Amino acid sequence: MDIFSHGLWANAVFETTAQAKFKKRKKLDVLLGIFFGIAPDFFSFGIFFALNVFKKLPVILSYVSSRLLEELNRIIVGITSIAPNTGRTIGNIAEKTWGTLPSGPPDPNAIPHFVYILYNFTHSFLIFALIFGLVWLFHKKPYWLLAGWGLHIFIDIFSHTEKFFPTPFLFPISNFHINLTSWGNPLFMIINYSALIGVYLWLYGFSSRKKLIKKSDQSKKN
């Protein structure tokens, strides 16, 4: 799944848990929840970009712009499948502005080998469980914000294919992975972001839920 969705879903899960307990989260907890939700990608692909940002800035910017245009192309394909005329109109405007939009994932051979090694470690349930257990042991209680990391891996298991970074959730014991669907599939993206919009409207858009939390805060103060 794309890194933005990972952060949004992690925040949604933690916010749902907090609202179920009529608790208001601290800003730091919100930021940490999102951070752990995107951490597996941040500590694999993010390090690659950080190491090359000054040395190969033009290459990085080209790669990023290519990825953004690729996502735009997928969105247009998704819109076209639902509303053909609207999709074609948007596609024509995009093509006149940026030229022919790229499609498909980047060439895996263009990505350094160390990124794959980092990806294996950051996307393993076994590694996550070990770190989660050690933190629990050290703090004498579970650090639930770290669960955003586990959620990231769980989502990626079912939203990556073997063509581009399949999720090695049993690393280093096994390289077994599930070849189901790509998060870049237009239909998947439409369902994913539609679900996110619905969830966030439910969590933050309905005043009745906010009133319940306010009422709970006031009762605790009294």
N, C-alpha and C. Protein backbone atom coordinates (compact mmCIF):
# COMPACT_ATOMS: atom_id res chain seq x y z
N MET A 1 0.84 -1.19 0.00
CA MET A 1 0.00 0.00 0.00
C MET A 1 0.88 1.24 0.00
N ASP A 2 0.33 2.34 -0.54
CA ASP A 2 1.12 3.56 -0.59
C ASP A 2 1.32 4.11 0.83
N ILE A 3 2.38 4.85 1.01
CA ILE A 3 2.80 5.29 2.35
C ILE A 3 1.78 6.23 3.00
N PHE A 4 1.08 7.02 2.19
CA PHE A 4 0.08 7.93 2.74
C PHE A 4 -1.09 7.15 3.36
N SER A 5 -1.53 6.11 2.66
CA SER A 5 -2.62 5.28 3.17
C SER A 5 -2.22 4.57 4.46
N HIS A 6 -0.97 4.12 4.50
CA HIS A 6 -0.49 3.46 5.72
C HIS A 6 -0.62 4.39 6.93
N GLY A 7 -0.18 5.63 6.76
CA GLY A 7 -0.28 6.59 7.86
C GLY A 7 -1.71 6.88 8.24
N LEU A 8 -2.58 7.01 7.24
CA LEU A 8 -3.98 7.31 7.49
C LEU A 8 -4.70 6.16 8.18
N TRP A 9 -4.43 4.92 7.77
CA TRP A 9 -5.08 3.77 8.39
C TRP A 9 -4.59 3.56 9.82
N ALA A 10 -3.30 3.77 10.05
CA ALA A 10 -2.77 3.64 11.41
C ALA A 10 -3.44 4.65 12.34
N ASN A 11 -3.53 5.89 11.87
CA ASN A 11 -4.19 6.93 12.68
C ASN A 11 -5.66 6.59 12.93
N ALA A 12 -6.33 6.05 11.91
CA ALA A 12 -7.75 5.69 12.04
C ALA A 12 -7.96 4.61 13.10
N VAL A 13 -7.08 3.62 13.10
CA VAL A 13 -7.19 2.53 14.09
C VAL A 13 -6.98 3.05 15.50
N PHE A 14 -5.95 3.87 15.70
CA PHE A 14 -5.67 4.41 17.04
C PHE A 14 -6.77 5.37 17.49
N GLU A 15 -7.31 6.15 16.55
CA GLU A 15 -8.39 7.08 16.89
C GLU A 15 -9.67 6.33 17.25
N THR A 16 -9.94 5.26 16.51
CA THR A 16 -11.11 4.43 16.81
C THR A 16 -11.01 3.84 18.21
N THR A 17 -9.84 3.34 18.55
CA THR A 17 -9.61 2.77 19.88
C THR A 17 -9.79 3.82 20.96
N ALA A 18 -9.25 5.01 20.72
CA ALA A 18 -9.36 6.09 21.70
C ALA A 18 -10.81 6.52 21.89
N GLN A 19 -11.55 6.66 20.79
CA GLN A 19 -12.94 7.09 20.89
C GLN A 19 -13.80 6.03 21.56
N ALA A 20 -13.47 4.75 21.34
CA ALA A 20 -14.22 3.67 21.98
C ALA A 20 -14.07 3.73 23.50
N LYS A 21 -12.93 4.28 23.94
CA LYS A 21 -12.67 4.41 25.38
C LYS A 21 -12.98 5.83 25.88
N PHE A 22 -13.56 6.66 24.97
CA PHE A 22 -13.90 8.05 25.30
C PHE A 22 -12.67 8.83 25.78
N LYS A 23 -11.57 8.61 25.09
CA LYS A 23 -10.32 9.29 25.43
C LYS A 23 -9.89 10.20 24.29
N LYS A 24 -9.25 11.29 24.66
CA LYS A 24 -8.70 12.20 23.67
C LYS A 24 -7.20 12.00 23.61
N ARG A 25 -6.70 11.77 22.41
CA ARG A 25 -5.26 11.50 22.25
C ARG A 25 -4.42 12.76 22.31
N LYS A 26 -3.22 12.62 22.82
CA LYS A 26 -2.26 13.72 22.79
C LYS A 26 -1.72 13.87 21.37
N LYS A 27 -1.32 15.09 21.03
CA LYS A 27 -0.79 15.36 19.68
C LYS A 27 0.43 14.50 19.39
N LEU A 28 1.27 14.31 20.40
CA LEU A 28 2.46 13.49 20.21
C LEU A 28 2.08 12.04 19.88
N ASP A 29 1.05 11.53 20.55
CA ASP A 29 0.60 10.16 20.28
C ASP A 29 0.05 10.04 18.87
N VAL A 30 -0.63 11.08 18.40
CA VAL A 30 -1.16 11.08 17.03
C VAL A 30 0.00 11.00 16.03
N LEU A 31 1.00 11.84 16.25
CA LEU A 31 2.15 11.87 15.34
C LEU A 31 2.94 10.56 15.38
N LEU A 32 3.12 10.00 16.58
CA LEU A 32 3.86 8.74 16.71
C LEU A 32 3.08 7.59 16.09
N GLY A 33 1.76 7.62 16.23
CA GLY A 33 0.94 6.58 15.62
C GLY A 33 1.09 6.57 14.11
N ILE A 34 1.06 7.76 13.52
CA ILE A 34 1.24 7.88 12.06
C ILE A 34 2.65 7.47 11.67
N PHE A 35 3.63 7.90 12.48
CA PHE A 35 5.03 7.58 12.17
C PHE A 35 5.26 6.07 12.13
N PHE A 36 4.79 5.36 13.16
CA PHE A 36 4.98 3.91 13.18
C PHE A 36 4.20 3.23 12.06
N GLY A 37 3.11 3.87 11.62
CA GLY A 37 2.34 3.33 10.51
C GLY A 37 3.09 3.38 9.18
N ILE A 38 3.97 4.37 9.03
CA ILE A 38 4.73 4.50 7.78
C ILE A 38 6.19 4.06 7.94
N ALA A 39 6.60 3.73 9.18
CA ALA A 39 8.00 3.44 9.48
C ALA A 39 8.63 2.35 8.61
N PRO A 40 7.95 1.21 8.35
CA PRO A 40 8.60 0.18 7.53
C PRO A 40 9.05 0.68 6.15
N ASP A 41 8.25 1.53 5.52
CA ASP A 41 8.67 2.10 4.23
C ASP A 41 9.69 3.20 4.41
N PHE A 42 9.52 3.98 5.48
CA PHE A 42 10.44 5.09 5.75
C PHE A 42 11.86 4.58 5.97
N PHE A 43 12.00 3.46 6.70
CA PHE A 43 13.33 2.93 7.01
C PHE A 43 13.87 1.98 5.95
N SER A 44 13.21 1.88 4.83
CA SER A 44 13.76 1.12 3.71
C SER A 44 13.96 2.06 2.52
N PHE A 45 12.88 2.52 1.93
CA PHE A 45 12.99 3.45 0.81
C PHE A 45 13.48 4.83 1.26
N GLY A 46 13.07 5.26 2.46
CA GLY A 46 13.45 6.58 2.96
C GLY A 46 14.94 6.75 3.10
N ILE A 47 15.62 5.70 3.57
CA ILE A 47 17.08 5.76 3.72
C ILE A 47 17.76 5.89 2.36
N PHE A 48 17.23 5.18 1.38
CA PHE A 48 17.78 5.27 0.02
C PHE A 48 17.71 6.70 -0.50
N PHE A 49 16.55 7.35 -0.30
CA PHE A 49 16.40 8.73 -0.77
C PHE A 49 17.30 9.67 0.02
N ALA A 50 17.39 9.45 1.34
CA ALA A 50 18.21 10.33 2.18
C ALA A 50 19.68 10.28 1.79
N LEU A 51 20.17 9.08 1.48
CA LEU A 51 21.59 8.92 1.12
C LEU A 51 21.91 9.54 -0.23
N ASN A 52 20.91 9.65 -1.07
CA ASN A 52 21.16 10.12 -2.43
C ASN A 52 20.60 11.51 -2.73
N VAL A 53 19.98 12.11 -1.73
CA VAL A 53 19.25 13.35 -1.99
C VAL A 53 20.15 14.48 -2.48
N PHE A 54 21.37 14.54 -1.97
CA PHE A 54 22.29 15.60 -2.40
C PHE A 54 23.13 15.16 -3.60
N LYS A 55 23.54 13.90 -3.56
CA LYS A 55 24.41 13.40 -4.62
C LYS A 55 23.68 13.22 -5.94
N LYS A 56 22.41 12.78 -5.84
CA LYS A 56 21.66 12.49 -7.05
C LYS A 56 20.29 13.17 -7.01
N LEU A 57 20.28 14.42 -6.63
CA LEU A 57 19.01 15.12 -6.48
C LEU A 57 18.18 15.11 -7.77
N PRO A 58 18.78 15.41 -8.94
CA PRO A 58 17.97 15.38 -10.16
C PRO A 58 17.34 14.01 -10.42
N VAL A 59 18.11 12.93 -10.14
CA VAL A 59 17.60 11.57 -10.34
C VAL A 59 16.44 11.29 -9.40
N ILE A 60 16.60 11.71 -8.12
CA ILE A 60 15.55 11.49 -7.12
C ILE A 60 14.29 12.24 -7.51
N LEU A 61 14.45 13.51 -7.89
CA LEU A 61 13.28 14.30 -8.26
C LEU A 61 12.57 13.71 -9.48
N SER A 62 13.37 13.20 -10.40
CA SER A 62 12.79 12.56 -11.59
C SER A 62 12.00 11.32 -11.20
N TYR A 63 12.57 10.54 -10.28
CA TYR A 63 11.90 9.32 -9.82
C TYR A 63 10.59 9.65 -9.11
N VAL A 64 10.66 10.64 -8.21
CA VAL A 64 9.47 11.03 -7.44
C VAL A 64 8.37 11.55 -8.37
N SER A 65 8.76 12.42 -9.31
CA SER A 65 7.76 12.97 -10.23
C SER A 65 7.16 11.86 -11.09
N SER A 66 8.00 10.88 -11.48
CA SER A 66 7.52 9.76 -12.27
C SER A 66 6.50 8.95 -11.48
N ARG A 67 6.80 8.74 -10.19
CA ARG A 67 5.88 7.97 -9.33
C ARG A 67 4.57 8.71 -9.16
N LEU A 68 4.63 10.03 -8.98
CA LEU A 68 3.41 10.81 -8.81
C LEU A 68 2.55 10.77 -10.07
N LEU A 69 3.20 10.88 -11.22
CA LEU A 69 2.47 10.82 -12.48
C LEU A 69 1.89 9.42 -12.70
N GLU A 70 2.63 8.41 -12.24
CA GLU A 70 2.13 7.04 -12.35
C GLU A 70 0.85 6.86 -11.53
N GLU A 71 0.87 7.42 -10.31
CA GLU A 71 -0.33 7.33 -9.47
C GLU A 71 -1.49 8.09 -10.10
N LEU A 72 -1.19 9.24 -10.71
CA LEU A 72 -2.23 10.01 -11.39
C LEU A 72 -2.83 9.20 -12.52
N ASN A 73 -1.99 8.48 -13.24
CA ASN A 73 -2.47 7.64 -14.33
C ASN A 73 -3.40 6.55 -13.82
N ARG A 74 -3.04 5.96 -12.68
CA ARG A 74 -3.88 4.91 -12.10
C ARG A 74 -5.24 5.45 -11.67
N ILE A 75 -5.22 6.64 -11.09
CA ILE A 75 -6.48 7.28 -10.67
C ILE A 75 -7.37 7.55 -11.88
N ILE A 76 -6.74 8.04 -12.97
CA ILE A 76 -7.51 8.34 -14.19
C ILE A 76 -8.11 7.06 -14.76
N VAL A 77 -7.34 5.97 -14.75
CA VAL A 77 -7.85 4.69 -15.24
C VAL A 77 -9.04 4.24 -14.40
N GLY A 78 -8.93 4.44 -13.07
CA GLY A 78 -10.03 4.07 -12.18
C GLY A 78 -11.28 4.89 -12.46
N ILE A 79 -11.10 6.20 -12.66
CA ILE A 79 -12.25 7.08 -12.95
C ILE A 79 -12.89 6.69 -14.28
N THR A 80 -12.03 6.36 -15.26
CA THR A 80 -12.54 5.99 -16.59
C THR A 80 -13.39 4.72 -16.53
N SER A 81 -13.02 3.78 -15.65
CA SER A 81 -13.79 2.54 -15.53
C SER A 81 -15.18 2.79 -14.97
N ILE A 82 -15.34 3.88 -14.21
CA ILE A 82 -16.64 4.21 -13.62
C ILE A 82 -17.39 5.22 -14.48
N ALA A 83 -16.68 6.28 -14.87
CA ALA A 83 -17.29 7.34 -15.70
C ALA A 83 -16.38 7.58 -16.91
N PRO A 84 -16.57 6.83 -18.00
CA PRO A 84 -15.67 6.89 -19.16
C PRO A 84 -15.44 8.29 -19.71
N ASN A 85 -16.49 9.06 -19.89
CA ASN A 85 -16.34 10.40 -20.47
C ASN A 85 -15.50 11.31 -19.58
N THR A 86 -15.80 11.30 -18.28
CA THR A 86 -15.03 12.12 -17.32
C THR A 86 -13.58 11.68 -17.29
N GLY A 87 -13.34 10.37 -17.26
CA GLY A 87 -11.99 9.85 -17.23
C GLY A 87 -11.19 10.24 -18.44
N ARG A 88 -11.81 10.14 -19.61
CA ARG A 88 -11.11 10.51 -20.84
C ARG A 88 -10.79 12.00 -20.87
N THR A 89 -11.72 12.81 -20.38
CA THR A 89 -11.49 14.26 -20.34
C THR A 89 -10.30 14.60 -19.45
N ILE A 90 -10.27 14.02 -18.25
CA ILE A 90 -9.16 14.25 -17.32
C ILE A 90 -7.86 13.73 -17.92
N GLY A 91 -7.92 12.56 -18.56
CA GLY A 91 -6.73 11.98 -19.18
C GLY A 91 -6.17 12.85 -20.28
N ASN A 92 -7.05 13.42 -21.09
CA ASN A 92 -6.60 14.31 -22.18
C ASN A 92 -5.92 15.56 -21.63
N ILE A 93 -6.50 16.13 -20.56
CA ILE A 93 -5.91 17.32 -19.94
C ILE A 93 -4.54 16.99 -19.37
N ALA A 94 -4.44 15.82 -18.68
CA ALA A 94 -3.17 15.41 -18.08
C ALA A 94 -2.11 15.16 -19.14
N GLU A 95 -2.52 14.54 -20.25
CA GLU A 95 -1.54 14.24 -21.31
C GLU A 95 -1.04 15.50 -21.97
N LYS A 96 -1.91 16.49 -22.14
CA LYS A 96 -1.49 17.77 -22.72
C LYS A 96 -0.54 18.52 -21.79
N THR A 97 -0.75 18.33 -20.48
CA THR A 97 0.07 19.03 -19.48
C THR A 97 1.42 18.36 -19.26
N TRP A 98 1.40 17.02 -19.08
CA TRP A 98 2.64 16.31 -18.71
C TRP A 98 3.12 15.33 -19.77
N GLY A 99 2.40 15.19 -20.87
CA GLY A 99 2.77 14.21 -21.87
C GLY A 99 2.18 12.85 -21.50
N THR A 100 2.67 11.79 -22.14
CA THR A 100 2.17 10.45 -21.87
C THR A 100 2.53 10.04 -20.45
N LEU A 101 1.53 9.64 -19.67
CA LEU A 101 1.78 9.28 -18.27
C LEU A 101 2.36 7.88 -18.19
N PRO A 102 3.35 7.67 -17.28
CA PRO A 102 3.93 6.33 -17.12
C PRO A 102 2.94 5.39 -16.47
N SER A 103 3.11 4.10 -16.71
CA SER A 103 2.26 3.10 -16.08
C SER A 103 3.13 1.94 -15.60
N GLY A 104 2.63 1.23 -14.59
CA GLY A 104 3.39 0.12 -14.05
C GLY A 104 4.40 0.56 -13.02
N PRO A 105 4.89 -0.38 -12.20
CA PRO A 105 5.86 -0.05 -11.16
C PRO A 105 7.24 0.27 -11.73
N PRO A 106 8.10 0.93 -10.94
CA PRO A 106 9.46 1.22 -11.40
C PRO A 106 10.25 -0.07 -11.66
N ASP A 107 11.32 0.04 -12.40
CA ASP A 107 12.17 -1.11 -12.69
C ASP A 107 12.87 -1.55 -11.40
N PRO A 108 12.63 -2.79 -10.93
CA PRO A 108 13.26 -3.26 -9.69
C PRO A 108 14.78 -3.23 -9.74
N ASN A 109 15.34 -3.39 -10.94
CA ASN A 109 16.79 -3.39 -11.08
C ASN A 109 17.41 -2.02 -10.81
N ALA A 110 16.60 -0.97 -10.84
CA ALA A 110 17.10 0.38 -10.61
C ALA A 110 17.21 0.70 -9.12
N ILE A 111 16.72 -0.21 -8.28
CA ILE A 111 16.73 0.00 -6.83
C ILE A 111 17.88 -0.77 -6.21
N PRO A 112 18.73 -0.15 -5.39
CA PRO A 112 19.90 -0.81 -4.80
C PRO A 112 19.54 -2.03 -3.96
N HIS A 113 20.47 -2.97 -3.88
CA HIS A 113 20.23 -4.23 -3.16
C HIS A 113 19.97 -3.99 -1.67
N PHE A 114 20.61 -2.98 -1.08
CA PHE A 114 20.46 -2.76 0.36
C PHE A 114 19.02 -2.37 0.72
N VAL A 115 18.31 -1.77 -0.25
CA VAL A 115 16.90 -1.42 0.01
C VAL A 115 16.07 -2.69 0.20
N TYR A 116 16.36 -3.73 -0.59
CA TYR A 116 15.66 -4.99 -0.45
C TYR A 116 15.96 -5.64 0.91
N ILE A 117 17.21 -5.51 1.36
CA ILE A 117 17.58 -6.08 2.67
C ILE A 117 16.83 -5.36 3.78
N LEU A 118 16.83 -4.03 3.74
CA LEU A 118 16.10 -3.24 4.74
C LEU A 118 14.61 -3.55 4.67
N TYR A 119 14.09 -3.71 3.46
CA TYR A 119 12.67 -4.01 3.29
C TYR A 119 12.31 -5.34 3.95
N ASN A 120 13.19 -6.33 3.82
CA ASN A 120 12.95 -7.63 4.44
C ASN A 120 12.84 -7.51 5.96
N PHE A 121 13.73 -6.74 6.56
CA PHE A 121 13.72 -6.58 8.01
C PHE A 121 12.52 -5.76 8.49
N THR A 122 12.20 -4.70 7.79
CA THR A 122 11.12 -3.82 8.25
C THR A 122 9.73 -4.36 7.94
N HIS A 123 9.65 -5.36 7.04
CA HIS A 123 8.34 -5.91 6.67
C HIS A 123 8.18 -7.37 7.12
N SER A 124 8.88 -7.73 8.19
CA SER A 124 8.78 -9.08 8.74
C SER A 124 7.97 -9.05 10.04
N PHE A 125 6.95 -9.88 10.12
CA PHE A 125 6.16 -10.00 11.35
C PHE A 125 7.03 -10.54 12.49
N LEU A 126 7.98 -11.40 12.15
CA LEU A 126 8.83 -12.00 13.17
C LEU A 126 9.75 -10.94 13.80
N ILE A 127 10.32 -10.08 12.96
CA ILE A 127 11.16 -9.00 13.46
C ILE A 127 10.32 -8.03 14.29
N PHE A 128 9.13 -7.71 13.79
CA PHE A 128 8.23 -6.82 14.53
C PHE A 128 7.88 -7.41 15.90
N ALA A 129 7.53 -8.69 15.93
CA ALA A 129 7.14 -9.34 17.18
C ALA A 129 8.30 -9.32 18.18
N LEU A 130 9.53 -9.53 17.68
CA LEU A 130 10.71 -9.51 18.54
C LEU A 130 10.90 -8.12 19.16
N ILE A 131 10.85 -7.08 18.34
CA ILE A 131 11.02 -5.71 18.83
C ILE A 131 9.89 -5.32 19.78
N PHE A 132 8.65 -5.68 19.41
CA PHE A 132 7.50 -5.37 20.26
C PHE A 132 7.64 -6.04 21.62
N GLY A 133 8.10 -7.30 21.61
CA GLY A 133 8.29 -8.04 22.85
C GLY A 133 9.39 -7.45 23.72
N LEU A 134 10.49 -7.02 23.09
CA LEU A 134 11.60 -6.44 23.85
C LEU A 134 11.19 -5.11 24.48
N VAL A 135 10.45 -4.29 23.73
CA VAL A 135 9.97 -3.01 24.27
C VAL A 135 9.00 -3.26 25.42
N TRP A 136 8.14 -4.25 25.26
CA TRP A 136 7.19 -4.63 26.32
C TRP A 136 7.95 -5.05 27.57
N LEU A 137 8.97 -5.86 27.38
CA LEU A 137 9.78 -6.35 28.50
C LEU A 137 10.49 -5.20 29.21
N PHE A 138 11.00 -4.25 28.43
CA PHE A 138 11.75 -3.12 28.99
C PHE A 138 10.82 -2.17 29.73
N HIS A 139 9.64 -1.89 29.17
CA HIS A 139 8.71 -0.93 29.77
C HIS A 139 7.73 -1.55 30.76
N LYS A 140 7.76 -2.88 30.84
CA LYS A 140 6.85 -3.61 31.74
C LYS A 140 5.39 -3.54 31.31
N LYS A 141 5.14 -3.03 30.12
CA LYS A 141 3.79 -2.99 29.57
C LYS A 141 3.90 -2.79 28.06
N PRO A 142 2.87 -3.23 27.30
CA PRO A 142 2.96 -3.09 25.83
C PRO A 142 2.90 -1.63 25.40
N TYR A 143 3.72 -1.30 24.42
CA TYR A 143 3.72 0.04 23.84
C TYR A 143 2.89 -0.04 22.56
N TRP A 144 1.58 0.25 22.70
CA TRP A 144 0.64 -0.04 21.63
C TRP A 144 0.85 0.79 20.37
N LEU A 145 1.45 1.97 20.49
CA LEU A 145 1.68 2.77 19.29
C LEU A 145 2.57 2.04 18.29
N LEU A 146 3.41 1.16 18.81
CA LEU A 146 4.30 0.38 17.95
C LEU A 146 3.51 -0.59 17.07
N ALA A 147 2.26 -0.84 17.46
CA ALA A 147 1.41 -1.75 16.68
C ALA A 147 1.14 -1.22 15.28
N GLY A 148 1.35 0.09 15.08
CA GLY A 148 1.21 0.65 13.74
C GLY A 148 2.14 -0.02 12.75
N TRP A 149 3.30 -0.43 13.23
CA TRP A 149 4.27 -1.17 12.41
C TRP A 149 3.67 -2.50 11.98
N GLY A 150 3.08 -3.23 12.94
CA GLY A 150 2.46 -4.52 12.63
C GLY A 150 1.30 -4.37 11.67
N LEU A 151 0.52 -3.30 11.84
CA LEU A 151 -0.60 -3.04 10.93
C LEU A 151 -0.11 -2.81 9.51
N HIS A 152 1.00 -2.07 9.38
CA HIS A 152 1.60 -1.81 8.08
C HIS A 152 1.93 -3.13 7.37
N ILE A 153 2.57 -4.04 8.08
CA ILE A 153 2.96 -5.33 7.50
C ILE A 153 1.71 -6.12 7.09
N PHE A 154 0.72 -6.16 7.98
CA PHE A 154 -0.51 -6.91 7.71
C PHE A 154 -1.18 -6.42 6.43
N ILE A 155 -1.28 -5.10 6.27
CA ILE A 155 -1.91 -4.55 5.08
C ILE A 155 -1.10 -4.88 3.83
N ASP A 156 0.23 -4.77 3.93
CA ASP A 156 1.08 -5.02 2.76
C ASP A 156 1.05 -6.47 2.30
N ILE A 157 0.80 -7.40 3.22
CA ILE A 157 0.73 -8.82 2.85
C ILE A 157 -0.29 -9.03 1.74
N PHE A 158 -1.40 -8.30 1.83
CA PHE A 158 -2.50 -8.51 0.88
C PHE A 158 -2.60 -7.43 -0.20
N SER A 159 -1.63 -6.51 -0.23
CA SER A 159 -1.70 -5.44 -1.23
C SER A 159 -0.41 -5.29 -2.04
N HIS A 160 0.38 -6.37 -2.08
CA HIS A 160 1.58 -6.40 -2.92
C HIS A 160 1.57 -7.69 -3.73
N THR A 161 2.18 -7.64 -4.89
CA THR A 161 2.33 -8.84 -5.71
C THR A 161 3.81 -9.21 -5.79
N GLU A 162 4.07 -10.38 -6.35
CA GLU A 162 5.46 -10.84 -6.45
C GLU A 162 6.25 -10.07 -7.50
N LYS A 163 5.57 -9.24 -8.30
CA LYS A 163 6.27 -8.48 -9.32
C LYS A 163 7.07 -7.32 -8.74
N PHE A 164 6.60 -6.77 -7.60
CA PHE A 164 7.28 -5.60 -7.05
C PHE A 164 7.16 -5.60 -5.52
N PHE A 165 8.25 -5.94 -4.86
CA PHE A 165 8.35 -5.95 -3.40
C PHE A 165 7.21 -6.71 -2.72
N PRO A 166 7.16 -8.04 -2.95
CA PRO A 166 6.21 -8.84 -2.17
C PRO A 166 6.60 -8.79 -0.69
N THR A 167 5.64 -8.94 0.19
CA THR A 167 5.90 -8.74 1.62
C THR A 167 6.47 -10.00 2.27
N PRO A 168 7.73 -9.97 2.74
CA PRO A 168 8.38 -11.14 3.33
C PRO A 168 8.06 -11.25 4.83
N PHE A 169 6.78 -11.47 5.16
CA PHE A 169 6.35 -11.37 6.55
C PHE A 169 6.90 -12.47 7.45
N LEU A 170 7.49 -13.53 6.87
CA LEU A 170 8.08 -14.60 7.68
C LEU A 170 9.61 -14.57 7.65
N PHE A 171 10.19 -13.51 7.12
CA PHE A 171 11.65 -13.34 7.10
C PHE A 171 12.17 -13.31 8.55
N PRO A 172 13.30 -13.95 8.89
CA PRO A 172 14.27 -14.63 8.02
C PRO A 172 14.06 -16.14 7.92
N ILE A 173 12.97 -16.66 8.48
CA ILE A 173 12.73 -18.10 8.45
C ILE A 173 12.33 -18.58 7.06
N SER A 174 11.51 -17.79 6.39
CA SER A 174 11.00 -18.19 5.08
C SER A 174 10.82 -16.96 4.20
N ASN A 175 10.92 -17.18 2.89
CA ASN A 175 10.65 -16.09 1.94
C ASN A 175 9.25 -16.20 1.36
N PHE A 176 8.39 -16.96 2.03
CA PHE A 176 7.01 -17.13 1.59
C PHE A 176 6.30 -15.78 1.55
N HIS A 177 5.52 -15.57 0.52
CA HIS A 177 4.74 -14.35 0.40
C HIS A 177 3.43 -14.64 -0.32
N ILE A 178 2.49 -13.73 -0.19
CA ILE A 178 1.18 -13.89 -0.83
C ILE A 178 1.12 -13.00 -2.06
N ASN A 179 0.77 -13.61 -3.18
CA ASN A 179 0.67 -12.89 -4.46
C ASN A 179 -0.81 -12.66 -4.75
N LEU A 180 -1.37 -11.57 -4.21
CA LEU A 180 -2.81 -11.35 -4.31
C LEU A 180 -3.16 -10.22 -5.27
N THR A 181 -2.94 -8.99 -4.85
CA THR A 181 -3.24 -7.84 -5.70
C THR A 181 -2.30 -6.70 -5.37
N SER A 182 -2.14 -5.77 -6.30
CA SER A 182 -1.26 -4.62 -6.08
C SER A 182 -2.07 -3.44 -5.57
N TRP A 183 -1.49 -2.72 -4.62
CA TRP A 183 -2.17 -1.53 -4.10
C TRP A 183 -2.32 -0.47 -5.20
N GLY A 184 -1.52 -0.60 -6.28
CA GLY A 184 -1.61 0.34 -7.38
C GLY A 184 -2.73 0.03 -8.36
N ASN A 185 -3.41 -1.10 -8.17
CA ASN A 185 -4.55 -1.42 -9.00
C ASN A 185 -5.62 -0.34 -8.85
N PRO A 186 -6.11 0.24 -9.95
CA PRO A 186 -7.08 1.35 -9.84
C PRO A 186 -8.29 1.03 -8.97
N LEU A 187 -8.84 -0.19 -9.14
CA LEU A 187 -10.01 -0.57 -8.35
C LEU A 187 -9.66 -0.61 -6.87
N PHE A 188 -8.49 -1.15 -6.55
CA PHE A 188 -8.05 -1.22 -5.15
C PHE A 188 -7.92 0.19 -4.57
N MET A 189 -7.32 1.10 -5.36
CA MET A 189 -7.13 2.47 -4.89
C MET A 189 -8.46 3.18 -4.65
N ILE A 190 -9.42 2.94 -5.54
CA ILE A 190 -10.74 3.55 -5.37
C ILE A 190 -11.41 3.04 -4.09
N ILE A 191 -11.36 1.72 -3.88
CA ILE A 191 -11.96 1.14 -2.67
C ILE A 191 -11.23 1.62 -1.42
N ASN A 192 -9.89 1.65 -1.50
CA ASN A 192 -9.08 2.05 -0.36
C ASN A 192 -9.38 3.48 0.07
N TYR A 193 -9.31 4.41 -0.87
CA TYR A 193 -9.51 5.82 -0.51
C TYR A 193 -10.98 6.14 -0.22
N SER A 194 -11.89 5.40 -0.83
CA SER A 194 -13.31 5.58 -0.49
C SER A 194 -13.55 5.14 0.95
N ALA A 195 -12.92 4.01 1.32
CA ALA A 195 -13.05 3.52 2.69
C ALA A 195 -12.43 4.51 3.68
N LEU A 196 -11.28 5.07 3.32
CA LEU A 196 -10.63 6.05 4.19
C LEU A 196 -11.50 7.29 4.38
N ILE A 197 -12.10 7.77 3.31
CA ILE A 197 -12.97 8.94 3.41
C ILE A 197 -14.15 8.63 4.34
N GLY A 198 -14.74 7.44 4.17
CA GLY A 198 -15.86 7.06 5.02
C GLY A 198 -15.48 6.95 6.48
N VAL A 199 -14.33 6.33 6.74
CA VAL A 199 -13.86 6.16 8.12
C VAL A 199 -13.56 7.50 8.77
N TYR A 200 -12.91 8.39 8.04
CA TYR A 200 -12.54 9.70 8.62
C TYR A 200 -13.76 10.59 8.81
N LEU A 201 -14.75 10.46 7.94
CA LEU A 201 -16.00 11.19 8.17
C LEU A 201 -16.67 10.70 9.45
N TRP A 202 -16.61 9.40 9.65
CA TRP A 202 -17.21 8.81 10.85
C TRP A 202 -16.46 9.24 12.11
N LEU A 203 -15.15 9.25 12.02
CA LEU A 203 -14.34 9.56 13.21
C LEU A 203 -14.31 11.04 13.55
N TYR A 204 -14.23 11.88 12.52
CA TYR A 204 -14.03 13.31 12.77
C TYR A 204 -15.17 14.20 12.28
N GLY A 205 -16.03 13.67 11.43
CA GLY A 205 -17.03 14.52 10.82
C GLY A 205 -18.35 14.60 11.54
N PHE A 206 -18.66 13.57 12.33
CA PHE A 206 -19.95 13.56 13.01
C PHE A 206 -19.85 14.21 14.37
N SER A 207 -20.59 15.31 14.56
CA SER A 207 -20.51 16.08 15.80
C SER A 207 -20.96 15.28 17.01
N SER A 208 -21.85 14.30 16.79
CA SER A 208 -22.35 13.52 17.92
C SER A 208 -21.23 12.76 18.61
N ARG A 209 -20.28 12.25 17.82
CA ARG A 209 -19.16 11.52 18.41
C ARG A 209 -18.24 12.48 19.16
N LYS A 210 -18.05 13.67 18.62
CA LYS A 210 -17.22 14.66 19.30
C LYS A 210 -17.85 15.08 20.63
N LYS A 211 -19.18 15.19 20.63
CA LYS A 211 -19.87 15.58 21.85
C LYS A 211 -19.72 14.51 22.92
N LEU A 212 -19.74 13.24 22.50
CA LEU A 212 -19.56 12.16 23.46
C LEU A 212 -18.20 12.24 24.13
N ILE A 213 -17.17 12.53 23.32
CA ILE A 213 -15.81 12.64 23.87
C ILE A 213 -15.71 13.86 24.79
N LYS A 214 -16.31 14.99 24.38
CA LYS A 214 -16.29 16.19 25.22
C LYS A 214 -17.00 15.94 26.55
N LYS A 215 -18.15 15.27 26.44
CA LYS A 215 -18.93 14.96 27.64
C LYS A 215 -18.13 14.08 28.58
N SER A 216 -17.40 13.11 28.01
CA SER A 216 -16.56 12.22 28.82
C SER A 216 -15.44 13.01 29.51
N ASP A 217 -14.81 13.95 28.77
CA ASP A 217 -13.74 14.76 29.35
C ASP A 217 -14.26 15.63 30.50
N GLN A 218 -15.44 16.20 30.32
CA GLN A 218 -16.01 17.05 31.34
C GLN A 218 -16.38 16.27 32.59
N SER A 219 -16.91 15.05 32.40
CA SER A 219 -17.28 14.24 33.54
C SER A 219 -16.06 13.82 34.36
N LYS A 220 -14.94 13.59 33.66
CA LYS A 220 -13.69 13.24 34.36
C LYS A 220 -13.17 14.41 35.17
N LYS A 221 -13.30 15.62 34.63
CA LYS A 221 -12.84 16.81 35.34
C LYS A 221 -13.68 17.06 36.59
N ASN A 222 -15.00 16.82 36.46
CA ASN A 222 -15.90 17.04 37.60
C ASN A 222 -15.76 15.92 38.63
